[in-house]
């Protein structure tokens, strides 16, 4: 059965303190899915169970190898989820606040592309 894309949405996530690429990636996913309503799957296509959708998560980060992809997948509440991380995003000069972690004066920015597909 072939998959057909229903929606592609993009988001940006930032960790201001701590340089946590996973936190930034999860925030990017949250940002993307918060801008999408999948009512067309139910109301137009008649999909009975949103667990049947396929959700592909692509995250771009300055340190993709450090992203916990299980946490990124868990940021999406429905469907068969896959997650991949690639080089991208941004590091920008921030401010180190000792209470948030030592030597963490960089702001981490991650981008996410979320693709929701259905079997047809």
C-alpha atoms as a PDB file:
ATOM      1  CA  UNK A   1       0.000   0.000   0.000  1.00  0.00           C
ATOM      2  CA  UNK A   2       1.380   3.415  -0.969  1.00  0.00           C
ATOM      3  CA  UNK A   3       1.621   6.280   1.484  1.00  0.00           C
ATOM      4  CA  UNK A   4       0.164   9.651   0.506  1.00  0.00           C
ATOM      5  CA  UNK A   5       1.249  12.832   2.256  1.00  0.00           C
ATOM      6  CA  UNK A   6      -1.560  14.717   3.950  1.00  0.00           C
ATOM      7  CA  UNK A   7       0.354  17.576   5.558  1.00  0.00           C
ATOM      8  CA  UNK A   8       3.891  18.914   5.967  1.00  0.00           C
ATOM      9  CA  UNK A   9       4.410  21.422   8.772  1.00  0.00           C
ATOM     10  CA  UNK A  10       7.520  23.177  10.083  1.00  0.00           C
ATOM     11  CA  UNK A  11       8.556  24.372  13.504  1.00  0.00           C
ATOM     12  CA  UNK A  12      11.399  25.988  15.378  1.00  0.00           C
ATOM     13  CA  UNK A  13      12.558  25.226  18.898  1.00  0.00           C
ATOM     14  CA  UNK A  14      15.098  26.965  21.097  1.00  0.00           C
ATOM     15  CA  UNK A  15      16.988  26.165  24.283  1.00  0.00           C
ATOM     16  CA  UNK A  16      18.138  29.495  25.688  1.00  0.00           C
ATOM     17  CA  UNK A  17      20.140  28.029  28.569  1.00  0.00           C
ATOM     18  CA  UNK A  18      21.784  24.645  28.822  1.00  0.00           C
ATOM     19  CA  UNK A  19      22.643  23.991  25.162  1.00  0.00           C
ATOM     20  CA  UNK A  20      20.264  21.000  25.185  1.00  0.00           C
ATOM     21  CA  UNK A  21      19.740  19.942  21.558  1.00  0.00           C
ATOM     22  CA  UNK A  22      17.062  17.409  22.517  1.00  0.00           C
ATOM     23  CA  UNK A  23      15.052  20.073  24.335  1.00  0.00           C
ATOM     24  CA  UNK A  24      15.338  22.396  21.314  1.00  0.00           C
ATOM     25  CA  UNK A  25      14.339  19.557  18.946  1.00  0.00           C
ATOM     26  CA  UNK A  26      11.274  18.617  21.034  1.00  0.00           C
ATOM     27  CA  UNK A  27      10.243  22.263  21.163  1.00  0.00           C
ATOM     28  CA  UNK A  28      10.562  22.452  17.358  1.00  0.00           C
ATOM     29  CA  UNK A  29       8.277  19.418  17.030  1.00  0.00           C
ATOM     30  CA  UNK A  30       5.793  20.928  19.506  1.00  0.00           C
ATOM     31  CA  UNK A  31       5.836  24.174  17.521  1.00  0.00           C
ATOM     32  CA  UNK A  32       5.134  22.351  14.248  1.00  0.00           C
ATOM     33  CA  UNK A  33       2.272  20.221  15.530  1.00  0.00           C
ATOM     34  CA  UNK A  34       0.691  23.127  17.393  1.00  0.00           C
ATOM     35  CA  UNK A  35       0.024  24.807  14.043  1.00  0.00           C
ATOM     36  CA  UNK A  36      -1.767  21.851  12.444  1.00  0.00           C
ATOM     37  CA  UNK A  37      -5.306  20.566  12.739  1.00  0.00           C
ATOM     38  CA  UNK A  38      -5.806  17.178  11.128  1.00  0.00           C
ATOM     39  CA  UNK A  39      -9.606  17.411  10.941  1.00  0.00           C
ATOM     40  CA  UNK A  40      -9.506  16.667   7.208  1.00  0.00           C
ATOM     41  CA  UNK A  41      -8.284  13.156   7.963  1.00  0.00           C
ATOM     42  CA  UNK A  42     -11.455  12.452   9.913  1.00  0.00           C
ATOM     43  CA  UNK A  43     -14.026  14.728   8.283  1.00  0.00           C
ATOM     44  CA  UNK A  44     -13.024  14.403   4.625  1.00  0.00           C
ATOM     45  CA  UNK A  45     -11.152  11.111   4.349  1.00  0.00           C
ATOM     46  CA  UNK A  46     -13.168   9.312   7.036  1.00  0.00           C
ATOM     47  CA  UNK A  47     -10.148   8.012   8.945  1.00  0.00           C
ATOM     48  CA  UNK A  48     -11.435   6.183  12.016  1.00  0.00           C
ATOM     49  CA  UNK A  49      -8.234   5.981  14.075  1.00  0.00           C
ATOM     50  CA  UNK A  50      -5.458   8.600  14.109  1.00  0.00           C
ATOM     51  CA  UNK A  51      -3.060   5.875  15.252  1.00  0.00           C
ATOM     52  CA  UNK A  52      -3.153   4.683  11.614  1.00  0.00           C
ATOM     53  CA  UNK A  53      -1.306   7.762  10.292  1.00  0.00           C
ATOM     54  CA  UNK A  54       2.427   7.803   9.598  1.00  0.00           C
ATOM     55  CA  UNK A  55       4.366  10.704  11.113  1.00  0.00           C
ATOM     56  CA  UNK A  56       7.873  11.366   9.842  1.00  0.00           C
ATOM     57  CA  UNK A  57       9.915  13.759  11.958  1.00  0.00           C
ATOM     58  CA  UNK A  58      13.011  15.398  10.517  1.00  0.00           C
ATOM     59  CA  UNK A  59      14.991  17.579  12.914  1.00  0.00           C
ATOM     60  CA  UNK A  60      17.921  19.809  11.967  1.00  0.00           C
ATOM     61  CA  UNK A  61      20.290  20.667  14.803  1.00  0.00           C
ATOM     62  CA  UNK A  62      23.867  21.874  15.253  1.00  0.00           C
ATOM     63  CA  UNK A  63      24.682  18.584  17.047  1.00  0.00           C
ATOM     64  CA  UNK A  64      22.297  15.980  15.575  1.00  0.00           C
ATOM     65  CA  UNK A  65      24.213  13.051  17.028  1.00  0.00           C
ATOM     66  CA  UNK A  66      23.342  14.240  20.565  1.00  0.00           C
ATOM     67  CA  UNK A  67      19.563  14.310  20.046  1.00  0.00           C
ATOM     68  CA  UNK A  68      17.564  11.678  21.923  1.00  0.00           C
ATOM     69  CA  UNK A  69      15.276  10.579  19.093  1.00  0.00           C
ATOM     70  CA  UNK A  70      13.045   8.605  21.471  1.00  0.00           C
ATOM     71  CA  UNK A  71      12.122  11.861  23.221  1.00  0.00           C
ATOM     72  CA  UNK A  72      11.531  13.525  19.857  1.00  0.00           C
ATOM     73  CA  UNK A  73       9.193  10.696  18.763  1.00  0.00           C
ATOM     74  CA  UNK A  74       7.361  10.934  22.095  1.00  0.00           C
ATOM     75  CA  UNK A  75       6.616  14.608  21.390  1.00  0.00           C
ATOM     76  CA  UNK A  76       4.108  13.450  18.754  1.00  0.00           C
ATOM     77  CA  UNK A  77       0.972  11.992  20.360  1.00  0.00           C
ATOM     78  CA  UNK A  78      -0.407   9.961  17.428  1.00  0.00           C
ATOM     79  CA  UNK A  79       0.524   7.546  14.696  1.00  0.00           C
ATOM     80  CA  UNK A  80       3.420   5.382  13.615  1.00  0.00           C
ATOM     81  CA  UNK A  81       6.334   7.734  14.270  1.00  0.00           C
ATOM     82  CA  UNK A  82       9.839   7.837  12.851  1.00  0.00           C
ATOM     83  CA  UNK A  83      12.471  10.443  13.665  1.00  0.00           C
ATOM     84  CA  UNK A  84      15.740  11.416  12.025  1.00  0.00           C
ATOM     85  CA  UNK A  85      18.247  14.127  12.869  1.00  0.00           C
ATOM     86  CA  UNK A  86      20.485  15.977  10.435  1.00  0.00           C
ATOM     87  CA  UNK A  87      23.030  18.768  10.650  1.00  0.00           C
ATOM     88  CA  UNK A  88      21.435  22.206  10.663  1.00  0.00           C
ATOM     89  CA  UNK A  89      19.812  24.641  13.018  1.00  0.00           C
ATOM     90  CA  UNK A  90      21.890  27.342  14.642  1.00  0.00           C
ATOM     91  CA  UNK A  91      24.073  28.256  17.591  1.00  0.00           C
ATOM     92  CA  UNK A  92      24.019  31.887  18.688  1.00  0.00           C
ATOM     93  CA  UNK A  93      25.780  33.729  21.477  1.00  0.00           C
ATOM     94  CA  UNK A  94      23.629  33.763  24.590  1.00  0.00           C
ATOM     95  CA  UNK A  95      24.229  34.273  28.270  1.00  0.00           C
ATOM     96  CA  UNK A  96      25.558  31.725  30.718  1.00  0.00           C
ATOM     97  CA  UNK A  97      23.410  31.499  33.836  1.00  0.00           C
ATOM     98  CA  UNK A  98      25.099  29.258  36.403  1.00  0.00           C
ATOM     99  CA  UNK A  99      21.783  27.928  37.739  1.00  0.00           C
ATOM    100  CA  UNK A 100      21.016  26.396  34.319  1.00  0.00           C
ATOM    101  CA  UNK A 101      24.406  24.753  33.815  1.00  0.00           C
ATOM    102  CA  UNK A 102      28.102  25.506  33.543  1.00  0.00           C
ATOM    103  CA  UNK A 103      29.676  26.847  30.367  1.00  0.00           C
ATOM    104  CA  UNK A 104      26.396  27.111  28.492  1.00  0.00           C
ATOM    105  CA  UNK A 105      26.537  30.513  26.855  1.00  0.00           C
ATOM    106  CA  UNK A 106      25.201  29.354  23.481  1.00  0.00           C
ATOM    107  CA  UNK A 107      21.567  29.428  22.396  1.00  0.00           C
ATOM    108  CA  UNK A 108      20.610  26.263  20.474  1.00  0.00           C
ATOM    109  CA  UNK A 109      18.057  26.508  17.670  1.00  0.00           C
ATOM    110  CA  UNK A 110      16.544  23.418  16.023  1.00  0.00           C
ATOM    111  CA  UNK A 111      14.129  23.144  13.116  1.00  0.00           C
ATOM    112  CA  UNK A 112      11.623  20.354  12.517  1.00  0.00           C
ATOM    113  CA  UNK A 113       9.675  19.187   9.498  1.00  0.00           C
ATOM    114  CA  UNK A 114       6.701  16.975  10.332  1.00  0.00           C
ATOM    115  CA  UNK A 115       5.127  14.956   7.532  1.00  0.00           C
ATOM    116  CA  UNK A 116       1.822  13.165   8.147  1.00  0.00           C
ATOM    117  CA  UNK A 117       0.920  10.484   5.623  1.00  0.00           C
ATOM    118  CA  UNK A 118      -1.830   7.926   5.247  1.00  0.00           C
ATOM    119  CA  UNK A 119      -2.027   4.559   3.507  1.00  0.00           C
ATOM    120  CA  UNK A 120      -4.035   4.587   0.297  1.00  0.00           C
END
